[in-house]
């Protein structure tokens, strides 16, 4: 599944366009490498998302085509989450 679509389905990002823009800007990494919006997300991938003053690392547990709002949190496991400091660095 495309990275931008997965981020939207997981509810980690509110809109797919925001997910697309974040990936284009290099704020999303898959396996430690900057990812494009079209990057394929697979079960077991580790993502690092730099949004909203936080850096969140998650592990992909599922990548279904559709998911309910209640089921969205079952798509990933949060590995770490840290706030960026006033200089923008974690």
PDB file of N, CA and C in Angstrom:
ATOM      1  N   UNK A   1       0.845  -1.169   0.000  1.00  0.00           N
ATOM      2  CA  UNK A   1       0.000   0.000   0.000  1.00  0.00           C
ATOM      3  C   UNK A   1       0.892   1.234   0.000  1.00  0.00           C
ATOM      4  N   UNK A   2       0.447   2.270  -0.668  1.00  0.00           N
ATOM      5  CA  UNK A   2       1.200   3.522  -0.732  1.00  0.00           C
ATOM      6  C   UNK A   2       1.355   4.142   0.657  1.00  0.00           C
ATOM      7  N   UNK A   3       2.504   4.744   0.895  1.00  0.00           N
ATOM      8  CA  UNK A   3       2.796   5.377   2.175  1.00  0.00           C
ATOM      9  C   UNK A   3       1.764   6.436   2.542  1.00  0.00           C
ATOM     10  N   UNK A   4       1.438   7.332   1.612  1.00  0.00           N
ATOM     11  CA  UNK A   4       0.502   8.403   1.941  1.00  0.00           C
ATOM     12  C   UNK A   4      -0.879   7.856   2.307  1.00  0.00           C
ATOM     13  N   UNK A   5      -1.310   6.814   1.619  1.00  0.00           N
ATOM     14  CA  UNK A   5      -2.614   6.208   1.935  1.00  0.00           C
ATOM     15  C   UNK A   5      -2.569   5.516   3.298  1.00  0.00           C
ATOM     16  N   UNK A   6      -1.486   4.801   3.591  1.00  0.00           N
ATOM     17  CA  UNK A   6      -1.375   4.109   4.871  1.00  0.00           C
ATOM     18  C   UNK A   6      -1.377   5.090   6.034  1.00  0.00           C
ATOM     19  N   UNK A   7      -0.650   6.205   5.895  1.00  0.00           N
ATOM     20  CA  UNK A   7      -0.615   7.209   6.956  1.00  0.00           C
ATOM     21  C   UNK A   7      -2.008   7.771   7.235  1.00  0.00           C
ATOM     22  N   UNK A   8      -2.790   7.967   6.192  1.00  0.00           N
ATOM     23  CA  UNK A   8      -4.166   8.450   6.355  1.00  0.00           C
ATOM     24  C   UNK A   8      -5.033   7.384   7.029  1.00  0.00           C
ATOM     25  N   UNK A   9      -4.971   6.139   6.551  1.00  0.00           N
ATOM     26  CA  UNK A   9      -5.780   5.068   7.135  1.00  0.00           C
ATOM     27  C   UNK A   9      -5.448   4.836   8.600  1.00  0.00           C
ATOM     28  N   UNK A  10      -4.188   4.983   8.965  1.00  0.00           N
ATOM     29  CA  UNK A  10      -3.756   4.751  10.352  1.00  0.00           C
ATOM     30  C   UNK A  10      -4.150   5.903  11.276  1.00  0.00           C
ATOM     31  N   UNK A  11      -4.590   6.993  10.679  1.00  0.00           N
ATOM     32  CA  UNK A  11      -4.958   8.202  11.421  1.00  0.00           C
ATOM     33  C   UNK A  11      -3.748   8.868  12.089  1.00  0.00           C
ATOM     34  N   UNK A  12      -2.546   8.530  11.646  1.00  0.00           N
ATOM     35  CA  UNK A  12      -1.355   9.221  12.132  1.00  0.00           C
ATOM     36  C   UNK A  12      -1.270  10.616  11.511  1.00  0.00           C
ATOM     37  N   UNK A  13      -1.872  10.756  10.320  1.00  0.00           N
ATOM     38  CA  UNK A  13      -1.964  12.032   9.621  1.00  0.00           C
ATOM     39  C   UNK A  13      -3.429  12.207   9.231  1.00  0.00           C
ATOM     40  N   UNK A  14      -3.959  13.414   9.424  1.00  0.00           N
ATOM     41  CA  UNK A  14      -5.395  13.629   9.229  1.00  0.00           C
ATOM     42  C   UNK A  14      -5.863  13.507   7.783  1.00  0.00           C
ATOM     43  N   UNK A  15      -5.049  14.004   6.847  1.00  0.00           N
ATOM     44  CA  UNK A  15      -5.468  13.974   5.446  1.00  0.00           C
ATOM     45  C   UNK A  15      -4.353  13.400   4.574  1.00  0.00           C
ATOM     46  N   UNK A  16      -4.759  12.750   3.509  1.00  0.00           N
ATOM     47  CA  UNK A  16      -3.780  12.137   2.607  1.00  0.00           C
ATOM     48  C   UNK A  16      -2.886  13.196   1.967  1.00  0.00           C
ATOM     49  N   UNK A  17      -3.442  14.366   1.689  1.00  0.00           N
ATOM     50  CA  UNK A  17      -2.607  15.415   1.093  1.00  0.00           C
ATOM     51  C   UNK A  17      -1.512  15.860   2.056  1.00  0.00           C
ATOM     52  N   UNK A  18      -1.815  15.892   3.351  1.00  0.00           N
ATOM     53  CA  UNK A  18      -0.790  16.231   4.341  1.00  0.00           C
ATOM     54  C   UNK A  18       0.284  15.150   4.393  1.00  0.00           C
ATOM     55  N   UNK A  19      -0.141  13.894   4.314  1.00  0.00           N
ATOM     56  CA  UNK A  19       0.813  12.782   4.298  1.00  0.00           C
ATOM     57  C   UNK A  19       1.703  12.877   3.062  1.00  0.00           C
ATOM     58  N   UNK A  20       1.102  13.184   1.923  1.00  0.00           N
ATOM     59  CA  UNK A  20       1.839  13.330   0.665  1.00  0.00           C
ATOM     60  C   UNK A  20       2.869  14.453   0.787  1.00  0.00           C
ATOM     61  N   UNK A  21       2.429  15.610   1.281  1.00  0.00           N
ATOM     62  CA  UNK A  21       3.326  16.760   1.415  1.00  0.00           C
ATOM     63  C   UNK A  21       4.463  16.485   2.398  1.00  0.00           C
ATOM     64  N   UNK A  22       4.162  15.810   3.506  1.00  0.00           N
ATOM     65  CA  UNK A  22       5.198  15.484   4.492  1.00  0.00           C
ATOM     66  C   UNK A  22       6.259  14.565   3.879  1.00  0.00           C
ATOM     67  N   UNK A  23       5.820  13.574   3.129  1.00  0.00           N
ATOM     68  CA  UNK A  23       6.772  12.665   2.479  1.00  0.00           C
ATOM     69  C   UNK A  23       7.605  13.406   1.439  1.00  0.00           C
ATOM     70  N   UNK A  24       6.967  14.249   0.660  1.00  0.00           N
ATOM     71  CA  UNK A  24       7.692  15.034  -0.355  1.00  0.00           C
ATOM     72  C   UNK A  24       8.745  15.928   0.288  1.00  0.00           C
ATOM     73  N   UNK A  25       8.453  16.419   1.496  1.00  0.00           N
ATOM     74  CA  UNK A  25       9.375  17.317   2.198  1.00  0.00           C
ATOM     75  C   UNK A  25      10.457  16.554   2.958  1.00  0.00           C
ATOM     76  N   UNK A  26      10.448  15.224   2.899  1.00  0.00           N
ATOM     77  CA  UNK A  26      11.473  14.430   3.562  1.00  0.00           C
ATOM     78  C   UNK A  26      11.247  14.222   5.049  1.00  0.00           C
ATOM     79  N   UNK A  27      10.000  14.422   5.523  1.00  0.00           N
ATOM     80  CA  UNK A  27       9.713  14.280   6.948  1.00  0.00           C
ATOM     81  C   UNK A  27       9.205  12.893   7.320  1.00  0.00           C
ATOM     82  N   UNK A  28       9.196  11.979   6.349  1.00  0.00           N
ATOM     83  CA  UNK A  28       8.789  10.599   6.620  1.00  0.00           C
ATOM     84  C   UNK A  28       9.888   9.674   6.108  1.00  0.00           C
ATOM     85  N   UNK A  29      10.296   8.738   6.971  1.00  0.00           N
ATOM     86  CA  UNK A  29      11.334   7.772   6.597  1.00  0.00           C
ATOM     87  C   UNK A  29      10.784   6.363   6.754  1.00  0.00           C
ATOM     88  N   UNK A  30      11.172   5.504   5.843  1.00  0.00           N
ATOM     89  CA  UNK A  30      10.823   4.079   5.918  1.00  0.00           C
ATOM     90  C   UNK A  30      12.139   3.325   5.959  1.00  0.00           C
ATOM     91  N   UNK A  31      12.352   2.564   7.021  1.00  0.00           N
ATOM     92  CA  UNK A  31      13.606   1.836   7.170  1.00  0.00           C
ATOM     93  C   UNK A  31      14.809   2.750   7.256  1.00  0.00           C
ATOM     94  N   UNK A  32      14.618   3.964   7.781  1.00  0.00           N
ATOM     95  CA  UNK A  32      15.720   4.903   7.943  1.00  0.00           C
ATOM     96  C   UNK A  32      16.040   5.737   6.728  1.00  0.00           C
ATOM     97  N   UNK A  33      15.317   5.525   5.627  1.00  0.00           N
ATOM     98  CA  UNK A  33      15.572   6.273   4.392  1.00  0.00           C
ATOM     99  C   UNK A  33      14.381   7.172   4.079  1.00  0.00           C
ATOM    100  N   UNK A  34      14.644   8.383   3.583  1.00  0.00           N
ATOM    101  CA  UNK A  34      13.535   9.257   3.193  1.00  0.00           C
ATOM    102  C   UNK A  34      12.642   8.544   2.181  1.00  0.00           C
ATOM    103  N   UNK A  35      11.326   8.693   2.356  1.00  0.00           N
ATOM    104  CA  UNK A  35      10.377   7.972   1.521  1.00  0.00           C
ATOM    105  C   UNK A  35       9.505   8.925   0.718  1.00  0.00           C
ATOM    106  N   UNK A  36       9.194   8.521  -0.494  1.00  0.00           N
ATOM    107  CA  UNK A  36       8.262   9.263  -1.337  1.00  0.00           C
ATOM    108  C   UNK A  36       6.838   8.834  -0.975  1.00  0.00           C
ATOM    109  N   UNK A  37       5.846   9.639  -1.338  1.00  0.00           N
ATOM    110  CA  UNK A  37       4.458   9.278  -1.046  1.00  0.00           C
ATOM    111  C   UNK A  37       4.045   7.933  -1.643  1.00  0.00           C
ATOM    112  N   UNK A  38       4.652   7.549  -2.745  1.00  0.00           N
ATOM    113  CA  UNK A  38       4.284   6.302  -3.424  1.00  0.00           C
ATOM    114  C   UNK A  38       5.047   5.081  -2.915  1.00  0.00           C
ATOM    115  N   UNK A  39       5.935   5.274  -1.937  1.00  0.00           N
ATOM    116  CA  UNK A  39       6.694   4.155  -1.382  1.00  0.00           C
ATOM    117  C   UNK A  39       5.737   3.101  -0.844  1.00  0.00           C
ATOM    118  N   UNK A  40       5.996   1.838  -1.148  1.00  0.00           N
ATOM    119  CA  UNK A  40       5.145   0.743  -0.671  1.00  0.00           C
ATOM    120  C   UNK A  40       5.436   0.461   0.806  1.00  0.00           C
ATOM    121  N   UNK A  41       4.384   0.444   1.596  1.00  0.00           N
ATOM    122  CA  UNK A  41       4.480   0.123   3.020  1.00  0.00           C
ATOM    123  C   UNK A  41       4.116  -1.340   3.196  1.00  0.00           C
ATOM    124  N   UNK A  42       4.953  -2.067   3.915  1.00  0.00           N
ATOM    125  CA  UNK A  42       4.718  -3.496   4.144  1.00  0.00           C
ATOM    126  C   UNK A  42       4.714  -3.797   5.643  1.00  0.00           C
ATOM    127  N   UNK A  43       4.077  -4.877   5.997  1.00  0.00           N
ATOM    128  CA  UNK A  43       4.057  -5.304   7.395  1.00  0.00           C
ATOM    129  C   UNK A  43       5.502  -5.507   7.855  1.00  0.00           C
ATOM    130  N   UNK A  44       5.825  -4.960   9.024  1.00  0.00           N
ATOM    131  CA  UNK A  44       7.173  -5.066   9.566  1.00  0.00           C
ATOM    132  C   UNK A  44       8.024  -3.832   9.325  1.00  0.00           C
ATOM    133  N   UNK A  45       7.618  -2.961   8.390  1.00  0.00           N
ATOM    134  CA  UNK A  45       8.371  -1.735   8.133  1.00  0.00           C
ATOM    135  C   UNK A  45       8.353  -0.840   9.365  1.00  0.00           C
ATOM    136  N   UNK A  46       9.445  -0.119   9.580  1.00  0.00           N
ATOM    137  CA  UNK A  46       9.502   0.879  10.633  1.00  0.00           C
ATOM    138  C   UNK A  46       9.491   2.258   9.982  1.00  0.00           C
ATOM    139  N   UNK A  47       8.554   3.092  10.426  1.00  0.00           N
ATOM    140  CA  UNK A  47       8.402   4.432   9.883  1.00  0.00           C
ATOM    141  C   UNK A  47       8.792   5.455  10.932  1.00  0.00           C
ATOM    142  N   UNK A  48       9.388   6.542  10.492  1.00  0.00           N
ATOM    143  CA  UNK A  48       9.693   7.677  11.354  1.00  0.00           C
ATOM    144  C   UNK A  48       8.993   8.883  10.749  1.00  0.00           C
ATOM    145  N   UNK A  49       8.099   9.484  11.533  1.00  0.00           N
ATOM    146  CA  UNK A  49       7.275  10.585  11.043  1.00  0.00           C
ATOM    147  C   UNK A  49       7.586  11.827  11.859  1.00  0.00           C
ATOM    148  N   UNK A  50       8.015  12.884  11.181  1.00  0.00           N
ATOM    149  CA  UNK A  50       8.386  14.140  11.820  1.00  0.00           C
ATOM    150  C   UNK A  50       7.294  15.169  11.521  1.00  0.00           C
ATOM    151  N   UNK A  51       6.290  15.254  12.413  1.00  0.00           N
ATOM    152  CA  UNK A  51       5.165  16.169  12.217  1.00  0.00           C
ATOM    153  C   UNK A  51       4.735  16.792  13.532  1.00  0.00           C
ATOM    154  N   UNK A  52       4.227  18.002  13.464  1.00  0.00           N
ATOM    155  CA  UNK A  52       3.630  18.641  14.621  1.00  0.00           C
ATOM    156  C   UNK A  52       4.552  18.808  15.806  1.00  0.00           C
ATOM    157  N   UNK A  53       5.831  19.012  15.566  1.00  0.00           N
ATOM    158  CA  UNK A  53       6.770  19.187  16.670  1.00  0.00           C
ATOM    159  C   UNK A  53       7.159  17.905  17.368  1.00  0.00           C
ATOM    160  N   UNK A  54       6.769  16.759  16.794  1.00  0.00           N
ATOM    161  CA  UNK A  54       7.105  15.457  17.380  1.00  0.00           C
ATOM    162  C   UNK A  54       7.694  14.539  16.316  1.00  0.00           C
ATOM    163  N   UNK A  55       8.548  13.658  16.780  1.00  0.00           N
ATOM    164  CA  UNK A  55       9.063  12.598  15.915  1.00  0.00           C
ATOM    165  C   UNK A  55       8.510  11.299  16.475  1.00  0.00           C
ATOM    166  N   UNK A  56       7.747  10.598  15.648  1.00  0.00           N
ATOM    167  CA  UNK A  56       7.110   9.359  16.071  1.00  0.00           C
ATOM    168  C   UNK A  56       7.655   8.213  15.236  1.00  0.00           C
ATOM    169  N   UNK A  57       8.093   7.151  15.909  1.00  0.00           N
ATOM    170  CA  UNK A  57       8.545   5.936  15.233  1.00  0.00           C
ATOM    171  C   UNK A  57       7.504   4.859  15.467  1.00  0.00           C
ATOM    172  N   UNK A  58       7.056   4.224  14.386  1.00  0.00           N
ATOM    173  CA  UNK A  58       6.058   3.164  14.494  1.00  0.00           C
ATOM    174  C   UNK A  58       6.483   1.960  13.669  1.00  0.00           C
ATOM    175  N   UNK A  59       5.952   0.804  14.046  1.00  0.00           N
ATOM    176  CA  UNK A  59       6.152  -0.425  13.288  1.00  0.00           C
ATOM    177  C   UNK A  59       4.812  -0.784  12.669  1.00  0.00           C
ATOM    178  N   UNK A  60       4.821  -1.076  11.366  1.00  0.00           N
ATOM    179  CA  UNK A  60       3.595  -1.419  10.646  1.00  0.00           C
ATOM    180  C   UNK A  60       3.192  -2.849  10.995  1.00  0.00           C
ATOM    181  N   UNK A  61       1.956  -3.006  11.508  1.00  0.00           N
ATOM    182  CA  UNK A  61       1.428  -4.322  11.867  1.00  0.00           C
ATOM    183  C   UNK A  61       0.446  -4.853  10.834  1.00  0.00           C
ATOM    184  N   UNK A  62      -0.180  -3.954  10.062  1.00  0.00           N
ATOM    185  CA  UNK A  62      -1.154  -4.353   9.054  1.00  0.00           C
ATOM    186  C   UNK A  62      -1.269  -3.251   8.011  1.00  0.00           C
ATOM    187  N   UNK A  63      -1.716  -3.638   6.813  1.00  0.00           N
ATOM    188  CA  UNK A  63      -1.893  -2.675   5.724  1.00  0.00           C
ATOM    189  C   UNK A  63      -3.132  -3.040   4.911  1.00  0.00           C
ATOM    190  N   UNK A  64      -4.318  -2.998   5.542  1.00  0.00           N
ATOM    191  CA  UNK A  64      -5.545  -3.325   4.820  1.00  0.00           C
ATOM    192  C   UNK A  64      -5.983  -2.169   3.922  1.00  0.00           C
ATOM    193  N   UNK A  65      -6.854  -2.446   2.973  1.00  0.00           N
ATOM    194  CA  UNK A  65      -7.357  -1.406   2.082  1.00  0.00           C
ATOM    195  C   UNK A  65      -8.342  -0.486   2.791  1.00  0.00           C
ATOM    196  N   UNK A  66      -9.078  -1.022   3.764  1.00  0.00           N
ATOM    197  CA  UNK A  66     -10.069  -0.238   4.505  1.00  0.00           C
ATOM    198  C   UNK A  66      -9.968  -0.589   5.980  1.00  0.00           C
ATOM    199  N   UNK A  67     -10.263   0.400   6.826  1.00  0.00           N
ATOM    200  CA  UNK A  67     -10.239   0.169   8.263  1.00  0.00           C
ATOM    201  C   UNK A  67     -11.171   1.165   8.935  1.00  0.00           C
ATOM    202  N   UNK A  68     -11.802   0.748  10.021  1.00  0.00           N
ATOM    203  CA  UNK A  68     -12.671   1.653  10.774  1.00  0.00           C
ATOM    204  C   UNK A  68     -11.812   2.572  11.637  1.00  0.00           C
ATOM    205  N   UNK A  69     -12.407   3.633  12.125  1.00  0.00           N
ATOM    206  CA  UNK A  69     -11.682   4.549  13.006  1.00  0.00           C
ATOM    207  C   UNK A  69     -11.185   3.824  14.249  1.00  0.00           C
ATOM    208  N   UNK A  70     -12.004   2.905  14.770  1.00  0.00           N
ATOM    209  CA  UNK A  70     -11.605   2.162  15.965  1.00  0.00           C
ATOM    210  C   UNK A  70     -10.461   1.200  15.669  1.00  0.00           C
ATOM    211  N   UNK A  71     -10.395   0.678  14.460  1.00  0.00           N
ATOM    212  CA  UNK A  71      -9.362  -0.286  14.094  1.00  0.00           C
ATOM    213  C   UNK A  71      -8.061   0.335  13.637  1.00  0.00           C
ATOM    214  N   UNK A  72      -8.033   1.652  13.474  1.00  0.00           N
ATOM    215  CA  UNK A  72      -6.844   2.323  12.945  1.00  0.00           C
ATOM    216  C   UNK A  72      -5.616   2.113  13.827  1.00  0.00           C
ATOM    217  N   UNK A  73      -5.796   2.111  15.145  1.00  0.00           N
ATOM    218  CA  UNK A  73      -4.644   1.962  16.052  1.00  0.00           C
ATOM    219  C   UNK A  73      -4.066   0.560  16.023  1.00  0.00           C
ATOM    220  N   UNK A  74      -4.781  -0.391  15.432  1.00  0.00           N
ATOM    221  CA  UNK A  74      -4.277  -1.758  15.324  1.00  0.00           C
ATOM    222  C   UNK A  74      -3.364  -1.940  14.115  1.00  0.00           C
ATOM    223  N   UNK A  75      -3.195  -0.880  13.321  1.00  0.00           N
ATOM    224  CA  UNK A  75      -2.343  -0.956  12.137  1.00  0.00           C
ATOM    225  C   UNK A  75      -0.871  -0.768  12.463  1.00  0.00           C
ATOM    226  N   UNK A  76      -0.577  -0.242  13.661  1.00  0.00           N
ATOM    227  CA  UNK A  76       0.810   0.059  14.006  1.00  0.00           C
ATOM    228  C   UNK A  76       1.057  -0.081  15.499  1.00  0.00           C
ATOM    229  N   UNK A  77       2.341  -0.169  15.826  1.00  0.00           N
ATOM    230  CA  UNK A  77       2.807  -0.174  17.214  1.00  0.00           C
ATOM    231  C   UNK A  77       3.758   1.007  17.358  1.00  0.00           C
ATOM    232  N   UNK A  78       3.526   1.858  18.343  1.00  0.00           N
ATOM    233  CA  UNK A  78       4.408   3.003  18.567  1.00  0.00           C
ATOM    234  C   UNK A  78       5.687   2.503  19.226  1.00  0.00           C
ATOM    235  N   UNK A  79       6.819   2.760  18.593  1.00  0.00           N
ATOM    236  CA  UNK A  79       8.121   2.357  19.123  1.00  0.00           C
ATOM    237  C   UNK A  79       8.718   3.448  19.995  1.00  0.00           C
ATOM    238  N   UNK A  80       8.553   4.699  19.566  1.00  0.00           N
ATOM    239  CA  UNK A  80       9.023   5.828  20.362  1.00  0.00           C
ATOM    240  C   UNK A  80       8.339   7.094  19.880  1.00  0.00           C
ATOM    241  N   UNK A  81       8.316   8.070  20.773  1.00  0.00           N
ATOM    242  CA  UNK A  81       7.747   9.369  20.432  1.00  0.00           C
ATOM    243  C   UNK A  81       8.480  10.407  21.254  1.00  0.00           C
ATOM    244  N   UNK A  82       8.997  11.419  20.580  1.00  0.00           N
ATOM    245  CA  UNK A  82       9.725  12.445  21.304  1.00  0.00           C
ATOM    246  C   UNK A  82       9.395  13.815  20.738  1.00  0.00           C
ATOM    247  N   UNK A  83       9.370  14.792  21.632  1.00  0.00           N
ATOM    248  CA  UNK A  83       9.137  16.177  21.243  1.00  0.00           C
ATOM    249  C   UNK A  83      10.435  16.766  20.714  1.00  0.00           C
ATOM    250  N   UNK A  84      10.275  17.633  19.736  1.00  0.00           N
ATOM    251  CA  UNK A  84      11.438  18.370  19.241  1.00  0.00           C
ATOM    252  C   UNK A  84      11.645  19.576  20.147  1.00  0.00           C
ATOM    253  N   UNK A  85      12.890  19.902  20.368  1.00  0.00           N
ATOM    254  CA  UNK A  85      13.201  21.045  21.217  1.00  0.00           C
ATOM    255  C   UNK A  85      12.913  22.365  20.519  1.00  0.00           C
ATOM    256  N   UNK A  86      13.171  23.487  21.192  1.00  0.00           N
ATOM    257  CA  UNK A  86      12.893  24.805  20.604  1.00  0.00           C
ATOM    258  C   UNK A  86      13.728  25.093  19.358  1.00  0.00           C
ATOM    259  N   UNK A  87      14.837  24.386  19.189  1.00  0.00           N
ATOM    260  CA  UNK A  87      15.662  24.587  17.994  1.00  0.00           C
ATOM    261  C   UNK A  87      15.232  23.685  16.861  1.00  0.00           C
ATOM    262  N   UNK A  88      14.202  22.854  17.096  1.00  0.00           N
ATOM    263  CA  UNK A  88      13.725  21.961  16.049  1.00  0.00           C
ATOM    264  C   UNK A  88      14.424  20.617  16.027  1.00  0.00           C
ATOM    265  N   UNK A  89      15.307  20.391  17.016  1.00  0.00           N
ATOM    266  CA  UNK A  89      16.027  19.122  17.060  1.00  0.00           C
ATOM    267  C   UNK A  89      15.486  18.263  18.183  1.00  0.00           C
ATOM    268  N   UNK A  90      15.495  16.963  17.949  1.00  0.00           N
ATOM    269  CA  UNK A  90      14.980  16.022  18.960  1.00  0.00           C
ATOM    270  C   UNK A  90      16.028  15.751  20.011  1.00  0.00           C
TER     271      UNK A  90
END
